[in-house]
Amino acid sequence: MLIFDFSFSENNIYMSIKNHIPNFITMLNLLSGCIAIVFVFEDQLVIASYLIGLAAFFDFLDGFLARLFKAQSPIGKDLDSLADVIIIWPCSRIDLI
């Protein structure tokens, strides 16, 4: 017989949300990078540059919060690497590197 414990304390819910905040910031980083790619294709390089700057800020913020909250996850590590790759492509098209 399997017995599942579905009781959650406030502390457990807080801890799980706190651990996902850096992943959410990384998703904002990915979104900014993807939208920047669209603007690069539309030759709107100024807007793309602002979005790349915003993505760079999100990249800093997610790493800072992950260290602050001591939140590490395999998906977070993979998402951060993907976001870094997505940011590099528009940078190379705009000659920001």
N, C-alpha and C. Protein backbone atom coordinates (compact mmCIF):
# COMPACT_ATOMS: atom_id res chain seq x y z
N MET A 1 0.85 -1.18 0.00
CA MET A 1 0.00 0.00 0.00
C MET A 1 0.89 1.24 0.00
N LEU A 2 0.63 2.15 -0.95
CA LEU A 2 1.39 3.39 -1.05
C LEU A 2 0.67 4.50 -0.31
N ILE A 3 1.42 5.23 0.45
CA ILE A 3 0.85 6.36 1.18
C ILE A 3 1.60 7.61 0.72
N PHE A 4 0.85 8.56 0.22
CA PHE A 4 1.44 9.81 -0.23
C PHE A 4 1.14 10.90 0.76
N ASP A 5 2.11 11.73 1.00
CA ASP A 5 1.93 12.86 1.90
C ASP A 5 1.83 14.13 1.07
N PHE A 6 0.63 14.66 0.96
CA PHE A 6 0.41 15.86 0.16
C PHE A 6 0.37 17.12 1.01
N SER A 7 0.79 17.03 2.25
CA SER A 7 0.77 18.21 3.10
C SER A 7 1.98 19.09 2.80
N PHE A 8 1.72 20.36 2.69
CA PHE A 8 2.78 21.31 2.44
C PHE A 8 2.80 22.32 3.57
N SER A 9 3.96 22.59 4.05
CA SER A 9 4.08 23.67 5.02
C SER A 9 4.43 24.94 4.27
N GLU A 10 4.25 26.07 4.93
CA GLU A 10 4.58 27.34 4.28
C GLU A 10 6.05 27.40 3.89
N ASN A 11 6.89 26.82 4.69
CA ASN A 11 8.33 26.85 4.43
C ASN A 11 8.67 26.06 3.17
N ASN A 12 8.03 24.91 2.95
CA ASN A 12 8.30 24.12 1.75
C ASN A 12 7.87 24.85 0.49
N ILE A 13 6.71 25.50 0.53
CA ILE A 13 6.24 26.24 -0.64
C ILE A 13 7.16 27.41 -0.91
N TYR A 14 7.56 28.12 0.12
CA TYR A 14 8.47 29.25 -0.05
C TYR A 14 9.79 28.80 -0.64
N MET A 15 10.31 27.69 -0.18
CA MET A 15 11.59 27.20 -0.68
C MET A 15 11.47 26.80 -2.15
N SER A 16 10.38 26.18 -2.54
CA SER A 16 10.28 25.76 -3.93
C SER A 16 10.13 26.96 -4.86
N ILE A 17 9.39 27.98 -4.45
CA ILE A 17 9.26 29.17 -5.27
C ILE A 17 10.59 29.90 -5.34
N LYS A 18 11.26 30.00 -4.22
CA LYS A 18 12.54 30.70 -4.17
C LYS A 18 13.56 30.04 -5.09
N ASN A 19 13.52 28.74 -5.21
CA ASN A 19 14.47 28.03 -6.06
C ASN A 19 14.19 28.20 -7.54
N HIS A 20 12.97 28.61 -7.90
CA HIS A 20 12.63 28.77 -9.31
C HIS A 20 12.75 30.21 -9.81
N ILE A 21 13.01 31.14 -8.93
CA ILE A 21 13.15 32.54 -9.35
C ILE A 21 14.30 32.71 -10.36
N PRO A 22 15.50 32.15 -10.12
CA PRO A 22 16.55 32.29 -11.13
C PRO A 22 16.18 31.68 -12.49
N ASN A 23 15.44 30.58 -12.48
CA ASN A 23 15.01 29.98 -13.75
C ASN A 23 14.03 30.90 -14.49
N PHE A 24 13.17 31.57 -13.76
CA PHE A 24 12.24 32.52 -14.37
C PHE A 24 13.00 33.68 -15.00
N ILE A 25 14.01 34.19 -14.30
CA ILE A 25 14.83 35.28 -14.84
C ILE A 25 15.57 34.81 -16.09
N THR A 26 16.04 33.56 -16.08
CA THR A 26 16.70 33.01 -17.27
C THR A 26 15.73 32.92 -18.44
N MET A 27 14.48 32.59 -18.17
CA MET A 27 13.49 32.56 -19.25
C MET A 27 13.25 33.96 -19.82
N LEU A 28 13.29 34.99 -18.97
CA LEU A 28 13.20 36.36 -19.46
C LEU A 28 14.41 36.69 -20.34
N ASN A 29 15.57 36.17 -19.96
CA ASN A 29 16.79 36.33 -20.74
C ASN A 29 16.60 35.69 -22.13
N LEU A 30 16.09 34.47 -22.15
CA LEU A 30 15.83 33.79 -23.42
C LEU A 30 14.83 34.56 -24.28
N LEU A 31 13.77 35.05 -23.65
CA LEU A 31 12.76 35.80 -24.38
C LEU A 31 13.35 37.07 -24.99
N SER A 32 14.15 37.79 -24.22
CA SER A 32 14.79 39.01 -24.74
C SER A 32 15.71 38.69 -25.91
N GLY A 33 16.46 37.61 -25.80
CA GLY A 33 17.36 37.23 -26.88
C GLY A 33 16.61 36.82 -28.14
N CYS A 34 15.52 36.09 -27.98
CA CYS A 34 14.73 35.66 -29.16
C CYS A 34 14.08 36.85 -29.84
N ILE A 35 13.56 37.78 -29.06
CA ILE A 35 12.96 38.97 -29.65
C ILE A 35 14.03 39.82 -30.33
N ALA A 36 15.23 39.86 -29.75
CA ALA A 36 16.33 40.60 -30.38
C ALA A 36 16.66 40.00 -31.75
N ILE A 37 16.62 38.68 -31.86
CA ILE A 37 16.88 38.03 -33.14
C ILE A 37 15.85 38.46 -34.18
N VAL A 38 14.58 38.55 -33.77
CA VAL A 38 13.53 38.99 -34.69
C VAL A 38 13.82 40.41 -35.18
N PHE A 39 14.23 41.29 -34.26
CA PHE A 39 14.52 42.67 -34.65
C PHE A 39 15.77 42.77 -35.53
N VAL A 40 16.72 41.87 -35.34
CA VAL A 40 17.89 41.86 -36.23
C VAL A 40 17.45 41.52 -37.64
N PHE A 41 16.57 40.54 -37.79
CA PHE A 41 16.07 40.19 -39.13
C PHE A 41 15.27 41.32 -39.76
N GLU A 42 14.65 42.15 -38.94
CA GLU A 42 13.88 43.28 -39.45
C GLU A 42 14.74 44.53 -39.63
N ASP A 43 16.04 44.41 -39.43
CA ASP A 43 17.00 45.53 -39.52
C ASP A 43 16.68 46.67 -38.55
N GLN A 44 16.13 46.33 -37.43
CA GLN A 44 15.89 47.28 -36.34
C GLN A 44 17.01 47.08 -35.31
N LEU A 45 18.21 47.49 -35.67
CA LEU A 45 19.39 47.15 -34.87
C LEU A 45 19.46 47.91 -33.54
N VAL A 46 18.88 49.10 -33.48
CA VAL A 46 18.89 49.85 -32.22
C VAL A 46 18.03 49.14 -31.18
N ILE A 47 16.84 48.75 -31.58
CA ILE A 47 15.95 48.03 -30.66
C ILE A 47 16.58 46.70 -30.26
N ALA A 48 17.18 46.00 -31.21
CA ALA A 48 17.85 44.73 -30.92
C ALA A 48 18.99 44.94 -29.92
N SER A 49 19.70 46.06 -30.06
CA SER A 49 20.79 46.34 -29.12
C SER A 49 20.27 46.55 -27.70
N TYR A 50 19.15 47.27 -27.58
CA TYR A 50 18.56 47.45 -26.25
C TYR A 50 18.11 46.11 -25.66
N LEU A 51 17.54 45.27 -26.49
CA LEU A 51 17.10 43.96 -26.00
C LEU A 51 18.28 43.08 -25.59
N ILE A 52 19.38 43.20 -26.30
CA ILE A 52 20.58 42.44 -25.93
C ILE A 52 21.12 42.96 -24.59
N GLY A 53 21.07 44.27 -24.40
CA GLY A 53 21.48 44.83 -23.11
C GLY A 53 20.57 44.36 -21.99
N LEU A 54 19.27 44.29 -22.26
CA LEU A 54 18.33 43.78 -21.26
C LEU A 54 18.60 42.31 -20.96
N ALA A 55 18.91 41.54 -22.00
CA ALA A 55 19.23 40.12 -21.81
C ALA A 55 20.50 39.96 -21.00
N ALA A 56 21.49 40.83 -21.23
CA ALA A 56 22.73 40.77 -20.46
C ALA A 56 22.45 41.08 -18.98
N PHE A 57 21.56 42.05 -18.73
CA PHE A 57 21.17 42.35 -17.35
C PHE A 57 20.49 41.15 -16.70
N PHE A 58 19.57 40.50 -17.44
CA PHE A 58 18.90 39.31 -16.91
C PHE A 58 19.90 38.19 -16.66
N ASP A 59 20.91 38.08 -17.52
CA ASP A 59 21.94 37.05 -17.34
C ASP A 59 22.71 37.28 -16.05
N PHE A 60 23.06 38.54 -15.79
CA PHE A 60 23.73 38.87 -14.52
C PHE A 60 22.81 38.57 -13.34
N LEU A 61 21.54 39.01 -13.45
CA LEU A 61 20.60 38.90 -12.34
C LEU A 61 20.30 37.44 -11.99
N ASP A 62 20.14 36.57 -13.00
CA ASP A 62 19.83 35.17 -12.68
C ASP A 62 21.01 34.49 -11.99
N GLY A 63 22.22 34.80 -12.41
CA GLY A 63 23.38 34.23 -11.73
C GLY A 63 23.52 34.74 -10.31
N PHE A 64 23.28 36.04 -10.14
CA PHE A 64 23.37 36.64 -8.81
C PHE A 64 22.34 36.04 -7.87
N LEU A 65 21.09 35.92 -8.34
CA LEU A 65 20.04 35.36 -7.48
C LEU A 65 20.24 33.88 -7.21
N ALA A 66 20.76 33.15 -8.19
CA ALA A 66 21.02 31.72 -7.97
C ALA A 66 22.07 31.54 -6.87
N ARG A 67 23.09 32.38 -6.87
CA ARG A 67 24.10 32.29 -5.80
C ARG A 67 23.53 32.76 -4.46
N LEU A 68 22.74 33.82 -4.51
CA LEU A 68 22.15 34.35 -3.28
C LEU A 68 21.22 33.34 -2.62
N PHE A 69 20.37 32.69 -3.42
CA PHE A 69 19.41 31.72 -2.89
C PHE A 69 19.98 30.31 -2.79
N LYS A 70 21.22 30.13 -3.26
CA LYS A 70 21.84 28.80 -3.31
C LYS A 70 20.93 27.82 -4.07
N ALA A 71 20.41 28.29 -5.20
CA ALA A 71 19.49 27.51 -6.02
C ALA A 71 20.24 26.99 -7.24
N GLN A 72 20.37 25.69 -7.34
CA GLN A 72 21.01 25.07 -8.48
C GLN A 72 20.13 23.94 -8.98
N SER A 73 20.02 23.85 -10.30
CA SER A 73 19.26 22.75 -10.88
C SER A 73 19.83 22.45 -12.26
N PRO A 74 19.71 21.20 -12.69
CA PRO A 74 20.21 20.85 -14.03
C PRO A 74 19.50 21.65 -15.13
N ILE A 75 18.20 21.87 -14.99
CA ILE A 75 17.48 22.62 -16.03
C ILE A 75 17.94 24.07 -16.04
N GLY A 76 18.24 24.62 -14.88
CA GLY A 76 18.73 26.00 -14.81
C GLY A 76 20.08 26.15 -15.49
N LYS A 77 20.92 25.16 -15.30
CA LYS A 77 22.24 25.19 -15.93
C LYS A 77 22.11 25.12 -17.45
N ASP A 78 21.24 24.26 -17.94
CA ASP A 78 21.03 24.12 -19.38
C ASP A 78 20.36 25.36 -19.98
N LEU A 79 19.37 25.90 -19.26
CA LEU A 79 18.70 27.11 -19.76
C LEU A 79 19.66 28.28 -19.84
N ASP A 80 20.54 28.41 -18.86
CA ASP A 80 21.50 29.51 -18.87
C ASP A 80 22.47 29.38 -20.04
N SER A 81 22.92 28.16 -20.33
CA SER A 81 23.80 27.96 -21.48
C SER A 81 23.08 28.27 -22.78
N LEU A 82 21.83 27.85 -22.90
CA LEU A 82 21.04 28.14 -24.10
C LEU A 82 20.84 29.64 -24.27
N ALA A 83 20.55 30.33 -23.17
CA ALA A 83 20.35 31.78 -23.24
C ALA A 83 21.63 32.48 -23.68
N ASP A 84 22.77 32.01 -23.21
CA ASP A 84 24.04 32.61 -23.62
C ASP A 84 24.27 32.44 -25.13
N VAL A 85 23.94 31.28 -25.66
CA VAL A 85 24.10 31.05 -27.10
C VAL A 85 23.14 31.93 -27.89
N ILE A 86 21.92 32.08 -27.41
CA ILE A 86 20.93 32.89 -28.12
C ILE A 86 21.35 34.36 -28.13
N ILE A 87 21.98 34.83 -27.07
CA ILE A 87 22.41 36.23 -27.03
C ILE A 87 23.59 36.47 -27.97
N ILE A 88 24.46 35.50 -28.14
CA ILE A 88 25.68 35.69 -28.93
C ILE A 88 25.35 35.93 -30.40
N TRP A 89 24.34 35.25 -30.95
CA TRP A 89 24.07 35.37 -32.39
C TRP A 89 23.70 36.80 -32.79
N PRO A 90 22.72 37.46 -32.12
CA PRO A 90 22.44 38.83 -32.55
C PRO A 90 23.62 39.77 -32.30
N CYS A 91 24.41 39.50 -31.28
CA CYS A 91 25.59 40.33 -31.02
C CYS A 91 26.55 40.26 -32.21
N SER A 92 26.72 39.09 -32.77
CA SER A 92 27.63 38.96 -33.91
C SER A 92 27.07 39.61 -35.17
N ARG A 93 25.76 39.65 -35.29
CA ARG A 93 25.14 40.30 -36.45
C ARG A 93 25.20 41.82 -36.34
N ILE A 94 25.18 42.34 -35.13
CA ILE A 94 25.20 43.79 -34.93
C ILE A 94 26.63 44.30 -34.76
N ASP A 95 27.58 43.42 -34.67
CA ASP A 95 28.99 43.74 -34.44
C ASP A 95 29.20 44.36 -33.06
N LEU A 96 28.54 43.80 -32.04
CA LEU A 96 28.76 44.26 -30.68
C LEU A 96 29.92 43.53 -30.01
N ILE A 97 30.34 42.43 -30.59
CA ILE A 97 31.45 41.67 -29.98
C ILE A 97 32.78 42.20 -30.48
